[in-house]
Amino acid sequence: MARQFRRVVTGHDANGKAVVVSDGPAPFLHVNPNEPDWYSADIWRTGEMPAQISAVSSEPTLGSRRQLPAKNGTVIRINHFPPEPEAVRRMTPEDSRRAFAALGNENAATFGKGGRHPLMHRTETIDYAIVLSGEITMLLDEGEVLLKAGDVLVQCGTNHAWSNRSNAPCVVAFILIDGKFDSALAQQFA
Protein backbone atom coordinates (compact mmCIF):
# COMPACT_ATOMS: atom_id res chain seq x y z
CA MET A 1 0.00 0.00 0.00
CA ALA A 2 1.61 3.26 -1.18
CA ARG A 3 1.91 5.86 1.54
CA GLN A 4 1.56 9.55 0.98
CA PHE A 5 4.43 11.93 1.71
CA ARG A 6 3.60 15.23 3.39
CA ARG A 7 4.75 18.31 1.48
CA VAL A 8 4.78 21.82 2.93
CA VAL A 9 5.27 24.69 0.48
CA THR A 10 5.93 28.27 1.50
CA GLY A 11 5.33 31.49 -0.40
CA HIS A 12 4.38 35.10 0.21
CA ASP A 13 1.12 36.86 0.98
CA ALA A 14 -0.05 40.08 -0.67
CA ASN A 15 2.21 42.08 1.67
CA GLY A 16 5.31 40.01 0.91
CA LYS A 17 5.20 38.20 4.27
CA ALA A 18 6.34 34.57 4.37
CA VAL A 19 3.43 32.13 4.67
CA VAL A 20 2.62 28.45 4.19
CA VAL A 21 0.67 28.19 0.93
CA SER A 22 0.06 24.44 1.05
CA ASP A 23 0.45 21.62 3.55
CA GLY A 24 -0.66 18.13 2.64
CA PRO A 25 0.19 15.03 0.64
CA ALA A 26 2.48 15.48 -2.37
CA PRO A 27 -0.02 15.60 -5.24
CA PHE A 28 1.89 13.33 -7.65
CA LEU A 29 2.25 9.70 -6.51
CA HIS A 30 3.49 7.22 -9.10
CA VAL A 31 2.77 3.57 -8.33
CA ASN A 32 4.36 0.89 -10.51
CA PRO A 33 1.38 -1.06 -11.92
CA ASN A 34 3.40 -4.28 -11.95
CA GLU A 35 4.73 -3.91 -8.40
CA PRO A 36 2.57 -1.67 -6.15
CA ASP A 37 5.23 -1.63 -3.41
CA TRP A 38 7.49 0.30 -5.81
CA TYR A 39 6.28 3.87 -5.71
CA SER A 40 7.56 7.42 -5.73
CA ALA A 41 6.32 10.93 -5.13
CA ASP A 42 7.60 13.95 -6.97
CA ILE A 43 7.83 16.64 -4.31
CA TRP A 44 8.85 19.62 -6.48
CA ARG A 45 10.33 20.44 -9.87
CA THR A 46 12.04 23.50 -11.25
CA GLY A 47 12.44 24.23 -14.92
CA GLU A 48 15.20 26.83 -15.10
CA MET A 49 18.36 28.02 -13.43
CA PRO A 50 18.19 30.22 -11.49
CA ALA A 51 14.82 28.90 -10.32
CA GLN A 52 11.95 31.34 -10.60
CA ILE A 53 10.63 32.41 -7.19
CA SER A 54 7.06 33.70 -7.17
CA ALA A 55 4.74 34.82 -4.38
CA VAL A 56 2.73 31.62 -4.92
CA SER A 57 4.10 29.02 -7.30
CA SER A 58 1.91 26.97 -9.59
CA GLU A 59 1.96 23.20 -9.06
CA PRO A 60 5.11 21.92 -10.83
CA THR A 61 4.67 18.14 -10.35
CA LEU A 62 1.53 17.38 -12.32
CA GLY A 63 1.58 15.79 -15.75
CA SER A 64 3.15 12.67 -17.14
CA ARG A 65 5.75 10.77 -15.12
CA ARG A 66 9.27 11.91 -15.94
CA GLN A 67 12.45 10.48 -14.54
CA LEU A 68 14.57 13.52 -15.39
CA PRO A 69 14.39 17.20 -14.55
CA ALA A 70 13.70 19.71 -17.31
CA LYS A 71 16.68 21.25 -19.09
CA ASN A 72 18.45 23.47 -16.52
CA GLY A 73 15.98 22.23 -13.90
CA THR A 74 15.74 20.06 -10.81
CA VAL A 75 13.42 17.51 -9.29
CA ILE A 76 13.12 16.22 -5.76
CA ARG A 77 11.49 12.82 -5.47
CA ILE A 78 11.01 10.28 -2.69
CA ASN A 79 11.24 6.65 -3.77
CA HIS A 80 10.01 3.62 -1.83
CA PHE A 81 12.00 0.49 -2.74
CA PRO A 82 10.59 -2.85 -1.57
CA PRO A 83 12.97 -5.79 -1.25
CA GLU A 84 14.02 -6.64 -4.80
CA PRO A 85 11.89 -9.48 -6.21
CA GLU A 86 13.27 -12.34 -8.27
CA ALA A 87 11.30 -10.98 -11.24
CA VAL A 88 13.74 -8.04 -11.49
CA ARG A 89 16.71 -10.40 -11.77
CA ARG A 90 14.90 -12.25 -14.59
CA MET A 91 14.26 -9.10 -16.67
CA THR A 92 15.48 -9.06 -20.26
CA PRO A 93 17.10 -6.01 -21.90
CA GLU A 94 13.74 -5.37 -23.60
CA ASP A 95 11.97 -5.49 -20.22
CA SER A 96 14.51 -3.00 -18.89
CA ARG A 97 13.96 -0.59 -21.80
CA ARG A 98 10.17 -0.83 -21.28
CA ALA A 99 10.59 -0.07 -17.57
CA PHE A 100 12.60 3.07 -18.34
CA ALA A 101 10.23 4.00 -21.18
CA ALA A 102 7.44 4.06 -18.57
CA LEU A 103 9.52 6.71 -16.79
CA GLY A 104 9.83 8.69 -20.02
CA ASN A 105 13.51 7.82 -20.42
CA GLU A 106 13.97 4.61 -22.43
CA ASN A 107 17.45 5.67 -23.58
CA ALA A 108 18.74 5.63 -20.00
CA ALA A 109 18.59 1.81 -19.82
CA THR A 110 22.02 0.23 -20.19
CA PHE A 111 21.22 -3.42 -19.41
CA GLY A 112 22.33 -5.46 -22.40
CA LYS A 113 24.85 -2.72 -23.28
CA GLY A 114 27.27 -3.50 -20.50
CA GLY A 115 25.02 -2.83 -17.52
CA ARG A 116 25.31 -5.70 -15.05
CA HIS A 117 21.85 -5.38 -13.46
CA PRO A 118 18.47 -5.13 -15.25
CA LEU A 119 17.84 -1.67 -13.79
CA MET A 120 21.26 -0.23 -14.71
CA HIS A 121 20.90 3.21 -16.25
CA ARG A 122 22.80 6.43 -16.91
CA THR A 123 21.36 9.94 -16.81
CA GLU A 124 23.01 13.26 -17.60
CA THR A 125 22.37 14.51 -14.09
CA ILE A 126 24.00 15.05 -10.73
CA ASP A 127 21.85 13.19 -8.19
CA TYR A 128 21.91 13.55 -4.42
CA ALA A 129 20.52 10.37 -2.82
CA ILE A 130 19.65 10.60 0.88
CA VAL A 131 18.64 7.31 2.52
CA LEU A 132 15.77 8.11 4.88
CA SER A 133 15.09 4.56 6.11
CA GLY A 134 16.26 1.03 5.44
CA GLU A 135 19.26 0.13 3.32
CA ILE A 136 19.98 -0.16 -0.38
CA THR A 137 22.89 -1.20 -2.59
CA MET A 138 24.00 1.02 -5.44
CA LEU A 139 25.73 -0.97 -8.17
CA LEU A 140 28.24 0.61 -10.55
CA ASP A 141 30.03 -0.78 -13.62
CA GLU A 142 32.60 -2.09 -11.19
CA GLY A 143 31.82 -2.45 -7.53
CA GLU A 144 28.91 -1.48 -5.35
CA VAL A 145 28.21 0.39 -2.15
CA LEU A 146 25.75 -0.41 0.64
CA LEU A 147 23.94 2.69 1.91
CA LYS A 148 22.00 2.85 5.17
CA ALA A 149 19.64 5.36 6.79
CA GLY A 150 21.40 8.70 7.13
CA ASP A 151 23.89 8.07 4.32
CA VAL A 152 24.13 10.50 1.40
CA LEU A 153 25.47 9.57 -2.04
CA VAL A 154 26.33 11.97 -4.86
CA GLN A 155 25.84 10.25 -8.23
CA CYS A 156 27.67 12.07 -11.04
CA GLY A 157 26.23 10.80 -14.32
CA THR A 158 27.45 7.25 -13.69
CA ASN A 159 25.99 3.99 -14.95
CA HIS A 160 24.22 2.60 -11.88
CA ALA A 161 21.32 0.62 -10.43
CA TRP A 162 19.57 0.49 -7.07
CA SER A 163 19.00 -2.92 -5.47
CA ASN A 164 17.25 -3.48 -2.15
CA ARG A 165 18.74 -6.80 -1.03
CA SER A 166 17.34 -6.57 2.48
CA ASN A 167 14.05 -7.95 3.75
CA ALA A 168 12.57 -4.51 4.54
CA PRO A 169 11.58 -1.49 2.44
CA CYS A 170 14.01 1.36 1.83
CA VAL A 171 13.01 5.02 1.37
CA VAL A 172 15.36 7.37 -0.47
CA ALA A 173 15.02 11.09 -1.23
CA PHE A 174 16.59 12.01 -4.57
CA ILE A 175 17.44 15.50 -5.77
CA LEU A 176 18.23 15.39 -9.51
CA ILE A 177 19.98 18.34 -11.13
CA ASP A 178 20.16 18.65 -14.91
CA GLY A 179 23.74 18.32 -16.10
CA LYS A 180 25.93 18.09 -19.17
CA PHE A 181 28.68 15.54 -19.75
CA ASP A 182 32.15 16.90 -20.39
CA SER A 183 32.76 16.34 -24.15
CA ALA A 184 35.67 13.92 -23.55
CA LEU A 185 33.55 11.86 -21.17
CA ALA A 186 30.52 11.93 -23.49
CA GLN A 187 32.63 10.47 -26.32
CA GLN A 188 33.31 7.41 -24.18
CA PHE A 189 29.56 6.66 -24.03
CA ALA A 190 28.92 7.06 -27.80
C-alpha atoms as a PDB file:
ATOM      1  CA  MET A   1       0.000   0.000   0.000  1.00  0.00           C
ATOM      2  CA  ALA A   2       1.615   3.256  -1.178  1.00  0.00           C
ATOM      3  CA  ARG A   3       1.912   5.860   1.540  1.00  0.00           C
ATOM      4  CA  GLN A   4       1.564   9.554   0.977  1.00  0.00           C
ATOM      5  CA  PHE A   5       4.435  11.934   1.711  1.00  0.00           C
ATOM      6  CA  ARG A   6       3.604  15.233   3.386  1.00  0.00           C
ATOM      7  CA  ARG A   7       4.752  18.311   1.484  1.00  0.00           C
ATOM      8  CA  VAL A   8       4.776  21.820   2.932  1.00  0.00           C
ATOM      9  CA  VAL A   9       5.273  24.694   0.480  1.00  0.00           C
ATOM     10  CA  THR A  10       5.934  28.275   1.497  1.00  0.00           C
ATOM     11  CA  GLY A  11       5.333  31.494  -0.397  1.00  0.00           C
ATOM     12  CA  HIS A  12       4.376  35.098   0.209  1.00  0.00           C
ATOM     13  CA  ASP A  13       1.122  36.861   0.982  1.00  0.00           C
ATOM     14  CA  ALA A  14      -0.052  40.083  -0.675  1.00  0.00           C
ATOM     15  CA  ASN A  15       2.207  42.082   1.667  1.00  0.00           C
ATOM     16  CA  GLY A  16       5.311  40.010   0.909  1.00  0.00           C
ATOM     17  CA  LYS A  17       5.197  38.205   4.269  1.00  0.00           C
ATOM     18  CA  ALA A  18       6.344  34.573   4.370  1.00  0.00           C
ATOM     19  CA  VAL A  19       3.431  32.129   4.674  1.00  0.00           C
ATOM     20  CA  VAL A  20       2.621  28.451   4.192  1.00  0.00           C
ATOM     21  CA  VAL A  21       0.672  28.190   0.930  1.00  0.00           C
ATOM     22  CA  SER A  22       0.056  24.435   1.054  1.00  0.00           C
ATOM     23  CA  ASP A  23       0.449  21.619   3.551  1.00  0.00           C
ATOM     24  CA  GLY A  24      -0.657  18.128   2.636  1.00  0.00           C
ATOM     25  CA  PRO A  25       0.187  15.031   0.639  1.00  0.00           C
ATOM     26  CA  ALA A  26       2.477  15.481  -2.366  1.00  0.00           C
ATOM     27  CA  PRO A  27      -0.025  15.600  -5.244  1.00  0.00           C
ATOM     28  CA  PHE A  28       1.894  13.326  -7.650  1.00  0.00           C
ATOM     29  CA  LEU A  29       2.249   9.702  -6.509  1.00  0.00           C
ATOM     30  CA  HIS A  30       3.491   7.217  -9.104  1.00  0.00           C
ATOM     31  CA  VAL A  31       2.767   3.566  -8.333  1.00  0.00           C
ATOM     32  CA  ASN A  32       4.362   0.888 -10.506  1.00  0.00           C
ATOM     33  CA  PRO A  33       1.382  -1.056 -11.924  1.00  0.00           C
ATOM     34  CA  ASN A  34       3.396  -4.285 -11.951  1.00  0.00           C
ATOM     35  CA  GLU A  35       4.729  -3.907  -8.396  1.00  0.00           C
ATOM     36  CA  PRO A  36       2.571  -1.667  -6.146  1.00  0.00           C
ATOM     37  CA  ASP A  37       5.228  -1.634  -3.406  1.00  0.00           C
ATOM     38  CA  TRP A  38       7.489   0.303  -5.808  1.00  0.00           C
ATOM     39  CA  TYR A  39       6.282   3.874  -5.711  1.00  0.00           C
ATOM     40  CA  SER A  40       7.560   7.419  -5.728  1.00  0.00           C
ATOM     41  CA  ALA A  41       6.316  10.926  -5.131  1.00  0.00           C
ATOM     42  CA  ASP A  42       7.597  13.951  -6.966  1.00  0.00           C
ATOM     43  CA  ILE A  43       7.830  16.639  -4.315  1.00  0.00           C
ATOM     44  CA  TRP A  44       8.853  19.615  -6.479  1.00  0.00           C
ATOM     45  CA  ARG A  45      10.331  20.438  -9.865  1.00  0.00           C
ATOM     46  CA  THR A  46      12.041  23.504 -11.250  1.00  0.00           C
ATOM     47  CA  GLY A  47      12.436  24.233 -14.923  1.00  0.00           C
ATOM     48  CA  GLU A  48      15.195  26.833 -15.096  1.00  0.00           C
ATOM     49  CA  MET A  49      18.357  28.023 -13.432  1.00  0.00           C
ATOM     50  CA  PRO A  50      18.193  30.219 -11.490  1.00  0.00           C
ATOM     51  CA  ALA A  51      14.824  28.897 -10.323  1.00  0.00           C
ATOM     52  CA  GLN A  52      11.946  31.338 -10.604  1.00  0.00           C
ATOM     53  CA  ILE A  53      10.632  32.413  -7.189  1.00  0.00           C
ATOM     54  CA  SER A  54       7.057  33.700  -7.174  1.00  0.00           C
ATOM     55  CA  ALA A  55       4.739  34.821  -4.380  1.00  0.00           C
ATOM     56  CA  VAL A  56       2.727  31.625  -4.917  1.00  0.00           C
ATOM     57  CA  SER A  57       4.104  29.017  -7.301  1.00  0.00           C
ATOM     58  CA  SER A  58       1.911  26.972  -9.586  1.00  0.00           C
ATOM     59  CA  GLU A  59       1.957  23.198  -9.064  1.00  0.00           C
ATOM     60  CA  PRO A  60       5.110  21.916 -10.833  1.00  0.00           C
ATOM     61  CA  THR A  61       4.674  18.142 -10.353  1.00  0.00           C
ATOM     62  CA  LEU A  62       1.527  17.382 -12.321  1.00  0.00           C
ATOM     63  CA  GLY A  63       1.576  15.792 -15.748  1.00  0.00           C
ATOM     64  CA  SER A  64       3.149  12.673 -17.138  1.00  0.00           C
ATOM     65  CA  ARG A  65       5.752  10.766 -15.118  1.00  0.00           C
ATOM     66  CA  ARG A  66       9.274  11.915 -15.942  1.00  0.00           C
ATOM     67  CA  GLN A  67      12.455  10.484 -14.540  1.00  0.00           C
ATOM     68  CA  LEU A  68      14.573  13.516 -15.388  1.00  0.00           C
ATOM     69  CA  PRO A  69      14.392  17.198 -14.551  1.00  0.00           C
ATOM     70  CA  ALA A  70      13.696  19.705 -17.306  1.00  0.00           C
ATOM     71  CA  LYS A  71      16.680  21.249 -19.092  1.00  0.00           C
ATOM     72  CA  ASN A  72      18.451  23.465 -16.524  1.00  0.00           C
ATOM     73  CA  GLY A  73      15.976  22.231 -13.901  1.00  0.00           C
ATOM     74  CA  THR A  74      15.743  20.057 -10.811  1.00  0.00           C
ATOM     75  CA  VAL A  75      13.419  17.506  -9.292  1.00  0.00           C
ATOM     76  CA  ILE A  76      13.125  16.221  -5.758  1.00  0.00           C
ATOM     77  CA  ARG A  77      11.492  12.824  -5.469  1.00  0.00           C
ATOM     78  CA  ILE A  78      11.010  10.285  -2.694  1.00  0.00           C
ATOM     79  CA  ASN A  79      11.237   6.647  -3.769  1.00  0.00           C
ATOM     80  CA  HIS A  80      10.015   3.621  -1.828  1.00  0.00           C
ATOM     81  CA  PHE A  81      11.997   0.487  -2.742  1.00  0.00           C
ATOM     82  CA  PRO A  82      10.589  -2.850  -1.573  1.00  0.00           C
ATOM     83  CA  PRO A  83      12.965  -5.793  -1.252  1.00  0.00           C
ATOM     84  CA  GLU A  84      14.024  -6.642  -4.798  1.00  0.00           C
ATOM     85  CA  PRO A  85      11.891  -9.476  -6.213  1.00  0.00           C
ATOM     86  CA  GLU A  86      13.268 -12.344  -8.268  1.00  0.00           C
ATOM     87  CA  ALA A  87      11.303 -10.979 -11.244  1.00  0.00           C
ATOM     88  CA  VAL A  88      13.739  -8.043 -11.489  1.00  0.00           C
ATOM     89  CA  ARG A  89      16.706 -10.396 -11.770  1.00  0.00           C
ATOM     90  CA  ARG A  90      14.897 -12.254 -14.592  1.00  0.00           C
ATOM     91  CA  MET A  91      14.261  -9.101 -16.671  1.00  0.00           C
ATOM     92  CA  THR A  92      15.479  -9.058 -20.263  1.00  0.00           C
ATOM     93  CA  PRO A  93      17.105  -6.011 -21.897  1.00  0.00           C
ATOM     94  CA  GLU A  94      13.741  -5.374 -23.600  1.00  0.00           C
ATOM     95  CA  ASP A  95      11.966  -5.485 -20.224  1.00  0.00           C
ATOM     96  CA  SER A  96      14.513  -3.003 -18.893  1.00  0.00           C
ATOM     97  CA  ARG A  97      13.956  -0.590 -21.796  1.00  0.00           C
ATOM     98  CA  ARG A  98      10.175  -0.829 -21.284  1.00  0.00           C
ATOM     99  CA  ALA A  99      10.594  -0.069 -17.568  1.00  0.00           C
ATOM    100  CA  PHE A 100      12.605   3.071 -18.340  1.00  0.00           C
ATOM    101  CA  ALA A 101      10.231   4.003 -21.177  1.00  0.00           C
ATOM    102  CA  ALA A 102       7.440   4.055 -18.573  1.00  0.00           C
ATOM    103  CA  LEU A 103       9.516   6.711 -16.791  1.00  0.00           C
ATOM    104  CA  GLY A 104       9.835   8.695 -20.021  1.00  0.00           C
ATOM    105  CA  ASN A 105      13.513   7.817 -20.420  1.00  0.00           C
ATOM    106  CA  GLU A 106      13.968   4.610 -22.432  1.00  0.00           C
ATOM    107  CA  ASN A 107      17.451   5.669 -23.582  1.00  0.00           C
ATOM    108  CA  ALA A 108      18.740   5.635 -19.996  1.00  0.00           C
ATOM    109  CA  ALA A 109      18.588   1.812 -19.824  1.00  0.00           C
ATOM    110  CA  THR A 110      22.025   0.227 -20.189  1.00  0.00           C
ATOM    111  CA  PHE A 111      21.220  -3.421 -19.408  1.00  0.00           C
ATOM    112  CA  GLY A 112      22.332  -5.459 -22.397  1.00  0.00           C
ATOM    113  CA  LYS A 113      24.851  -2.716 -23.279  1.00  0.00           C
ATOM    114  CA  GLY A 114      27.273  -3.501 -20.501  1.00  0.00           C
ATOM    115  CA  GLY A 115      25.024  -2.833 -17.516  1.00  0.00           C
ATOM    116  CA  ARG A 116      25.309  -5.697 -15.047  1.00  0.00           C
ATOM    117  CA  HIS A 117      21.846  -5.381 -13.461  1.00  0.00           C
ATOM    118  CA  PRO A 118      18.470  -5.135 -15.245  1.00  0.00           C
ATOM    119  CA  LEU A 119      17.836  -1.674 -13.792  1.00  0.00           C
ATOM    120  CA  MET A 120      21.257  -0.226 -14.705  1.00  0.00           C
ATOM    121  CA  HIS A 121      20.902   3.206 -16.252  1.00  0.00           C
ATOM    122  CA  ARG A 122      22.799   6.428 -16.907  1.00  0.00           C
ATOM    123  CA  THR A 123      21.364   9.941 -16.808  1.00  0.00           C
ATOM    124  CA  GLU A 124      23.012  13.255 -17.600  1.00  0.00           C
ATOM    125  CA  THR A 125      22.368  14.510 -14.088  1.00  0.00           C
ATOM    126  CA  ILE A 126      24.005  15.050 -10.732  1.00  0.00           C
ATOM    127  CA  ASP A 127      21.845  13.190  -8.186  1.00  0.00           C
ATOM    128  CA  TYR A 128      21.914  13.555  -4.421  1.00  0.00           C
ATOM    129  CA  ALA A 129      20.522  10.374  -2.823  1.00  0.00           C
ATOM    130  CA  ILE A 130      19.645  10.599   0.877  1.00  0.00           C
ATOM    131  CA  VAL A 131      18.641   7.314   2.519  1.00  0.00           C
ATOM    132  CA  LEU A 132      15.769   8.108   4.883  1.00  0.00           C
ATOM    133  CA  SER A 133      15.091   4.561   6.111  1.00  0.00           C
ATOM    134  CA  GLY A 134      16.261   1.026   5.438  1.00  0.00           C
ATOM    135  CA  GLU A 135      19.258   0.127   3.316  1.00  0.00           C
ATOM    136  CA  ILE A 136      19.981  -0.164  -0.382  1.00  0.00           C
ATOM    137  CA  THR A 137      22.891  -1.203  -2.586  1.00  0.00           C
ATOM    138  CA  MET A 138      24.003   1.017  -5.438  1.00  0.00           C
ATOM    139  CA  LEU A 139      25.727  -0.969  -8.175  1.00  0.00           C
ATOM    140  CA  LEU A 140      28.241   0.611 -10.546  1.00  0.00           C
ATOM    141  CA  ASP A 141      30.028  -0.775 -13.617  1.00  0.00           C
ATOM    142  CA  GLU A 142      32.601  -2.092 -11.187  1.00  0.00           C
ATOM    143  CA  GLY A 143      31.816  -2.447  -7.528  1.00  0.00           C
ATOM    144  CA  GLU A 144      28.911  -1.485  -5.355  1.00  0.00           C
ATOM    145  CA  VAL A 145      28.214   0.385  -2.148  1.00  0.00           C
ATOM    146  CA  LEU A 146      25.746  -0.409   0.644  1.00  0.00           C
ATOM    147  CA  LEU A 147      23.944   2.695   1.913  1.00  0.00           C
ATOM    148  CA  LYS A 148      22.000   2.851   5.165  1.00  0.00           C
ATOM    149  CA  ALA A 149      19.638   5.360   6.792  1.00  0.00           C
ATOM    150  CA  GLY A 150      21.398   8.702   7.131  1.00  0.00           C
ATOM    151  CA  ASP A 151      23.894   8.067   4.323  1.00  0.00           C
ATOM    152  CA  VAL A 152      24.133  10.497   1.396  1.00  0.00           C
ATOM    153  CA  LEU A 153      25.466   9.574  -2.041  1.00  0.00           C
ATOM    154  CA  VAL A 154      26.334  11.974  -4.861  1.00  0.00           C
ATOM    155  CA  GLN A 155      25.839  10.247  -8.228  1.00  0.00           C
ATOM    156  CA  CYS A 156      27.673  12.075 -11.042  1.00  0.00           C
ATOM    157  CA  GLY A 157      26.234  10.800 -14.319  1.00  0.00           C
ATOM    158  CA  THR A 158      27.455   7.245 -13.686  1.00  0.00           C
ATOM    159  CA  ASN A 159      25.990   3.994 -14.945  1.00  0.00           C
ATOM    160  CA  HIS A 160      24.223   2.603 -11.876  1.00  0.00           C
ATOM    161  CA  ALA A 161      21.323   0.623 -10.427  1.00  0.00           C
ATOM    162  CA  TRP A 162      19.566   0.487  -7.069  1.00  0.00           C
ATOM    163  CA  SER A 163      19.002  -2.924  -5.472  1.00  0.00           C
ATOM    164  CA  ASN A 164      17.252  -3.480  -2.150  1.00  0.00           C
ATOM    165  CA  ARG A 165      18.745  -6.803  -1.029  1.00  0.00           C
ATOM    166  CA  SER A 166      17.341  -6.567   2.480  1.00  0.00           C
ATOM    167  CA  ASN A 167      14.051  -7.954   3.754  1.00  0.00           C
ATOM    168  CA  ALA A 168      12.573  -4.512   4.540  1.00  0.00           C
ATOM    169  CA  PRO A 169      11.580  -1.488   2.444  1.00  0.00           C
ATOM    170  CA  CYS A 170      14.009   1.362   1.834  1.00  0.00           C
ATOM    171  CA  VAL A 171      13.008   5.016   1.369  1.00  0.00           C
ATOM    172  CA  VAL A 172      15.359   7.373  -0.474  1.00  0.00           C
ATOM    173  CA  ALA A 173      15.020  11.089  -1.228  1.00  0.00           C
ATOM    174  CA  PHE A 174      16.590  12.008  -4.572  1.00  0.00           C
ATOM    175  CA  ILE A 175      17.443  15.503  -5.774  1.00  0.00           C
ATOM    176  CA  LEU A 176      18.228  15.394  -9.514  1.00  0.00           C
ATOM    177  CA  ILE A 177      19.983  18.345 -11.134  1.00  0.00           C
ATOM    178  CA  ASP A 178      20.163  18.652 -14.915  1.00  0.00           C
ATOM    179  CA  GLY A 179      23.743  18.317 -16.098  1.00  0.00           C
ATOM    180  CA  LYS A 180      25.928  18.086 -19.166  1.00  0.00           C
ATOM    181  CA  PHE A 181      28.679  15.540 -19.748  1.00  0.00           C
ATOM    182  CA  ASP A 182      32.151  16.902 -20.386  1.00  0.00           C
ATOM    183  CA  SER A 183      32.765  16.338 -24.145  1.00  0.00           C
ATOM    184  CA  ALA A 184      35.672  13.925 -23.550  1.00  0.00           C
ATOM    185  CA  LEU A 185      33.549  11.864 -21.167  1.00  0.00           C
ATOM    186  CA  ALA A 186      30.516  11.926 -23.494  1.00  0.00           C
ATOM    187  CA  GLN A 187      32.634  10.472 -26.323  1.00  0.00           C
ATOM    188  CA  GLN A 188      33.305   7.407 -24.182  1.00  0.00           C
ATOM    189  CA  PHE A 189      29.560   6.659 -24.034  1.00  0.00           C
ATOM    190  CA  ALA A 190      28.924   7.060 -27.799  1.00  0.00           C
END
